[in-house]
Amino acid sequence: MTFVGSMMIATSVPALAVTATDAEHRASVYAPVAEDTISQRPQTLEVASEAQLAPLTVGGYAVEAAPPPIVSEVAGIGSVAVIESELIVWPVISPENRASGFGPREAPCSGCSTYHDGVDFNPGNGTPVMSIADGVVVLATENGGGLGVNVEVQHNIGGELITTSYAHMQYGSLAVSEGQRVSAGQQLGLVGSTGQSTGPHLHLEMFGVDGVRFDGFAWLSAHVS
C-alpha cells in the first residue's frame, strides 16, 4: 500500500511541488503571477491649479486699403491706370557725366534756348536709356521736332503724377510703344543725337501735372532708391 501511495503522489502531483520547501516558491508554482496590468491602466496627468492657462487676448488690426492708381490719358488709347512705383533709378549708367544742367545757360547752338528745361547726360553714344520708375508710356515717336526721337513716361510716385521725357535718342532704337507699361530700369531706347542736338547725349525733362519743368538731376539725387 505504501508503494501504491507513493506512485499515486508521483503521478498526480508535479515533482517541483514536492521538492519546494519555502512558501514563496510554492506560491510561484501553484499560483503563477498574472500578466502585468500596470500598462493597461489609464494614464493621468495631475496639473496644479496655478498652472491654468490664461485666456488669450485678441488684439484688433487695422486694414489699410491700397492707394488708388492715377488714371492717365494716352492719345489713341484712352484711360490707363498708373500704378504707384516703389523703385526709382537713374536713366543712364554713369549719371555723373553731364553736359548741361537745369536752368539758365548760354545757348550752345543757333536756335538753342538760353534756359535749359532739362538735364543733359553724357554716358556715351549708344548707351541704353532707361525709365526712372514704373509707369505708362504716353508718347513714343521718332518725329519729336527739336527733341528728335522722344519717349514720355508718366509715373505715380507717392500719389503724384510725374512725367519724364527722354530726348535725342537714336533712330530705330525705340524699344517701347504708347500705352505700354514699363518698369523701373526698363530700356526705352539708345543715347543718340537726333533733333536739335550738338552731339550724342540724353536730354531728360521732368514735370508735374502743371507742366512746369524742374531740375531732374536734383530730384533724382534725392529719390533714387
Protein backbone atom coordinates (compact mmCIF):
# COMPACT_ATOMS: atom_id res chain seq x y z
CA MET A 1 0.00 0.00 0.00
CA THR A 2 2.87 2.31 0.80
CA PHE A 3 4.33 1.71 -2.66
CA VAL A 4 0.96 2.30 -4.30
CA GLY A 5 0.51 5.53 -2.39
CA SER A 6 3.92 6.73 -3.47
CA MET A 7 3.11 6.03 -7.09
CA MET A 8 -0.14 7.97 -6.83
CA ILE A 9 1.71 11.01 -5.45
CA ALA A 10 4.34 10.77 -8.15
CA THR A 11 1.80 10.66 -10.93
CA SER A 12 -0.75 13.16 -9.60
CA VAL A 13 1.44 15.96 -8.11
CA PRO A 14 4.20 17.79 -10.04
CA ALA A 15 7.65 16.89 -8.89
CA LEU A 16 8.57 20.55 -8.35
CA ALA A 17 5.73 20.86 -5.81
CA VAL A 18 7.10 18.02 -3.79
CA THR A 19 10.62 19.40 -3.63
CA ALA A 20 9.64 23.05 -2.96
CA THR A 21 10.16 23.97 0.69
CA ASP A 22 9.51 27.74 1.04
CA ALA A 23 6.10 29.34 0.82
CA GLU A 24 7.20 31.92 -1.75
CA HIS A 25 8.40 29.21 -4.13
CA ARG A 26 5.24 27.18 -3.63
CA ALA A 27 3.16 30.25 -4.44
CA SER A 28 5.04 30.73 -7.69
CA VAL A 29 4.31 27.15 -8.66
CA TYR A 30 0.70 26.83 -7.75
CA ALA A 31 -0.40 30.41 -8.41
CA PRO A 32 1.67 31.94 -11.25
CA VAL A 33 1.86 35.75 -11.19
CA ALA A 34 -0.72 37.28 -13.52
CA GLU A 35 0.39 39.39 -16.50
CA ASP A 36 1.43 42.92 -15.61
CA THR A 37 -1.65 45.09 -15.71
CA ILE A 38 0.10 48.41 -14.99
CA SER A 39 0.39 49.29 -18.69
CA GLN A 40 -3.34 48.65 -19.07
CA ARG A 41 -4.30 51.26 -16.51
CA PRO A 42 -5.43 54.66 -17.90
CA GLN A 43 -2.67 57.29 -17.63
CA THR A 44 -3.46 60.57 -15.93
CA LEU A 45 -1.58 63.89 -15.53
CA GLU A 46 -2.10 65.99 -12.45
CA VAL A 47 -1.77 69.75 -13.06
CA ALA A 48 -1.59 72.26 -10.27
CA SER A 49 -4.38 74.80 -10.18
CA GLU A 50 -1.92 77.70 -10.51
CA ALA A 51 -0.74 76.33 -13.89
CA GLN A 52 -4.05 77.02 -15.60
CA LEU A 53 -3.71 78.85 -18.93
CA ALA A 54 -4.92 82.41 -19.05
CA PRO A 55 -7.35 83.26 -21.86
CA LEU A 56 -5.72 84.80 -24.97
CA THR A 57 -6.39 88.45 -25.64
CA VAL A 58 -7.23 89.04 -29.29
CA GLY A 59 -5.93 92.38 -30.49
CA GLY A 60 -7.52 94.49 -33.18
CA TYR A 61 -5.93 95.01 -36.61
CA ALA A 62 -6.42 97.98 -38.86
CA VAL A 63 -6.70 97.20 -42.57
CA GLU A 64 -5.47 99.92 -44.87
CA ALA A 65 -6.64 99.99 -48.46
CA ALA A 66 -4.03 100.30 -51.18
CA PRO A 67 -3.83 103.81 -52.64
CA PRO A 68 -5.89 104.15 -55.81
CA PRO A 69 -3.95 104.29 -59.09
CA ILE A 70 -3.69 107.51 -61.05
CA VAL A 71 -5.54 107.43 -64.34
CA SER A 72 -3.57 108.75 -67.32
CA GLU A 73 -4.91 109.60 -70.74
CA VAL A 74 -2.95 108.16 -73.66
CA ALA A 75 -3.71 109.57 -77.12
CA GLY A 76 -5.45 107.00 -79.30
CA ILE A 77 -5.73 104.52 -76.43
CA GLY A 78 -7.73 106.18 -73.66
CA SER A 79 -7.51 105.92 -69.89
CA VAL A 80 -4.66 103.85 -68.43
CA ALA A 81 -4.14 103.25 -64.72
CA VAL A 82 -0.69 104.27 -63.48
CA ILE A 83 0.30 102.09 -60.51
CA GLU A 84 2.49 103.63 -57.81
CA SER A 85 6.19 102.88 -58.30
CA GLU A 86 8.32 101.74 -55.37
CA LEU A 87 11.67 101.89 -57.17
CA ILE A 88 13.44 104.90 -58.70
CA VAL A 89 16.68 104.60 -60.72
CA TRP A 90 18.95 106.73 -62.86
CA PRO A 91 18.06 106.88 -66.58
CA VAL A 92 21.61 106.01 -67.68
CA ILE A 93 24.77 104.49 -66.31
CA SER A 94 27.40 106.98 -65.16
CA PRO A 95 24.88 109.77 -64.40
CA GLU A 96 27.73 111.91 -63.08
CA ASN A 97 28.78 112.57 -66.69
CA ARG A 98 26.68 115.58 -67.68
CA ALA A 99 26.98 118.22 -70.38
CA SER A 100 24.44 120.81 -69.25
CA GLY A 101 22.38 121.30 -66.12
CA PHE A 102 18.94 122.70 -65.47
CA GLY A 103 18.29 126.45 -65.65
CA PRO A 104 19.90 129.50 -67.29
CA ARG A 105 22.79 128.88 -69.68
CA GLU A 106 24.50 130.18 -72.77
CA ALA A 107 22.80 128.85 -75.88
CA PRO A 108 25.05 126.05 -77.19
CA CYS A 109 23.78 126.34 -80.76
CA SER A 110 21.81 128.59 -83.07
CA GLY A 111 18.19 128.26 -82.04
CA CYS A 112 19.01 126.57 -78.74
CA SER A 113 17.41 128.07 -75.63
CA THR A 114 19.19 130.14 -73.02
CA TYR A 115 17.13 128.45 -70.34
CA HIS A 116 17.59 124.69 -70.18
CA ASP A 117 14.37 122.84 -69.31
CA GLY A 118 16.16 119.58 -68.57
CA VAL A 119 19.48 117.98 -67.76
CA ASP A 120 21.86 116.52 -70.36
CA PHE A 121 23.56 113.24 -69.52
CA ASN A 122 26.71 112.22 -71.42
CA PRO A 123 27.14 108.45 -70.86
CA GLY A 124 28.27 107.82 -74.46
CA ASN A 125 26.64 107.24 -77.83
CA GLY A 126 24.51 104.08 -77.95
CA THR A 127 24.19 103.78 -74.17
CA PRO A 128 20.81 102.33 -73.08
CA VAL A 129 18.25 104.88 -71.87
CA MET A 130 16.08 103.54 -69.04
CA SER A 131 12.79 104.51 -67.40
CA ILE A 132 13.44 106.05 -64.00
CA ALA A 133 10.41 104.28 -62.45
CA ASP A 134 7.40 102.08 -63.16
CA GLY A 135 4.93 103.86 -65.40
CA VAL A 136 2.98 104.09 -68.64
CA VAL A 137 4.39 105.28 -71.98
CA VAL A 138 2.28 108.20 -73.18
CA LEU A 139 4.47 109.18 -76.13
CA ALA A 140 6.94 107.25 -78.31
CA THR A 141 7.96 108.96 -81.54
CA GLU A 142 10.84 109.40 -83.95
CA ASN A 143 9.41 112.76 -85.01
CA GLY A 144 9.66 114.82 -81.84
CA GLY A 145 10.84 118.02 -83.58
CA GLY A 146 13.73 119.55 -81.67
CA LEU A 147 13.62 116.62 -79.23
CA GLY A 148 14.20 114.11 -82.04
CA VAL A 149 13.45 110.52 -81.05
CA ASN A 150 11.48 111.09 -77.89
CA VAL A 151 9.69 108.98 -75.26
CA GLU A 152 7.48 110.28 -72.46
CA VAL A 153 6.54 108.12 -69.47
CA GLN A 154 4.07 109.01 -66.74
CA HIS A 155 4.73 107.74 -63.21
CA ASN A 156 2.75 107.53 -59.99
CA ILE A 157 5.31 108.48 -57.35
CA GLY A 158 3.91 108.88 -53.87
CA GLY A 159 0.46 109.52 -55.29
CA GLU A 160 1.77 112.30 -57.53
CA LEU A 161 1.74 112.15 -61.33
CA ILE A 162 5.20 112.91 -62.73
CA THR A 163 6.16 112.81 -66.40
CA THR A 164 9.67 112.09 -67.69
CA SER A 165 10.79 112.93 -71.23
CA TYR A 166 13.78 111.20 -72.86
CA ALA A 167 15.01 113.03 -75.95
CA HIS A 168 17.59 112.90 -78.79
CA MET A 169 17.71 109.09 -78.86
CA GLN A 170 18.92 107.15 -81.91
CA TYR A 171 16.67 106.48 -84.86
CA GLY A 172 15.45 102.90 -84.86
CA SER A 173 16.25 102.42 -81.17
CA LEU A 174 12.72 102.81 -79.74
CA ALA A 175 12.06 99.80 -77.53
CA VAL A 176 8.55 100.74 -76.30
CA SER A 177 5.21 101.90 -77.69
CA GLU A 178 2.44 104.21 -76.50
CA GLY A 179 0.19 102.73 -73.83
CA GLN A 180 2.81 100.17 -72.76
CA ARG A 181 3.51 99.65 -69.08
CA VAL A 182 7.21 99.81 -68.20
CA SER A 183 9.23 99.00 -65.11
CA ALA A 184 11.95 100.98 -63.38
CA GLY A 185 15.20 100.40 -65.29
CA GLN A 186 13.47 99.10 -68.44
CA GLN A 187 15.17 100.17 -71.67
CA LEU A 188 13.36 102.79 -73.74
CA GLY A 189 15.96 103.43 -76.46
CA LEU A 190 19.63 104.36 -77.01
CA VAL A 191 21.53 107.60 -76.49
CA GLY A 192 21.82 109.47 -79.80
CA SER A 193 21.93 112.93 -81.35
CA THR A 194 18.60 113.36 -83.15
CA GLY A 195 16.59 116.58 -83.32
CA GLN A 196 18.22 119.82 -82.20
CA SER A 197 21.39 118.40 -80.71
CA THR A 198 25.11 119.22 -80.84
CA GLY A 199 26.25 115.67 -80.01
CA PRO A 200 25.16 112.33 -78.53
CA HIS A 201 23.53 112.78 -75.14
CA LEU A 202 20.29 112.14 -73.26
CA HIS A 203 18.16 115.21 -72.64
CA LEU A 204 15.91 114.40 -69.67
CA GLU A 205 12.98 116.62 -68.70
CA MET A 206 10.73 116.14 -65.67
CA PHE A 207 7.45 117.89 -64.88
CA GLY A 208 4.23 117.51 -62.89
CA VAL A 209 0.58 117.89 -63.81
CA ASP A 210 1.06 121.66 -64.15
CA GLY A 211 3.61 121.11 -66.90
CA VAL A 212 6.28 123.16 -65.13
CA ARG A 213 9.74 121.62 -65.59
CA PHE A 214 12.02 121.10 -62.60
CA ASP A 215 15.62 120.02 -62.02
CA GLY A 216 15.61 116.30 -62.79
CA PHE A 217 19.16 115.75 -61.58
CA ALA A 218 18.47 117.26 -58.15
CA TRP A 219 15.20 115.34 -57.88
CA LEU A 220 16.79 112.01 -58.83
CA SER A 221 19.72 112.62 -56.47
CA ALA A 222 17.19 112.82 -53.63
CA HIS A 223 14.92 109.95 -54.73
CA VAL A 224 16.99 107.22 -56.40
CA SER A 225 16.49 104.02 -54.39
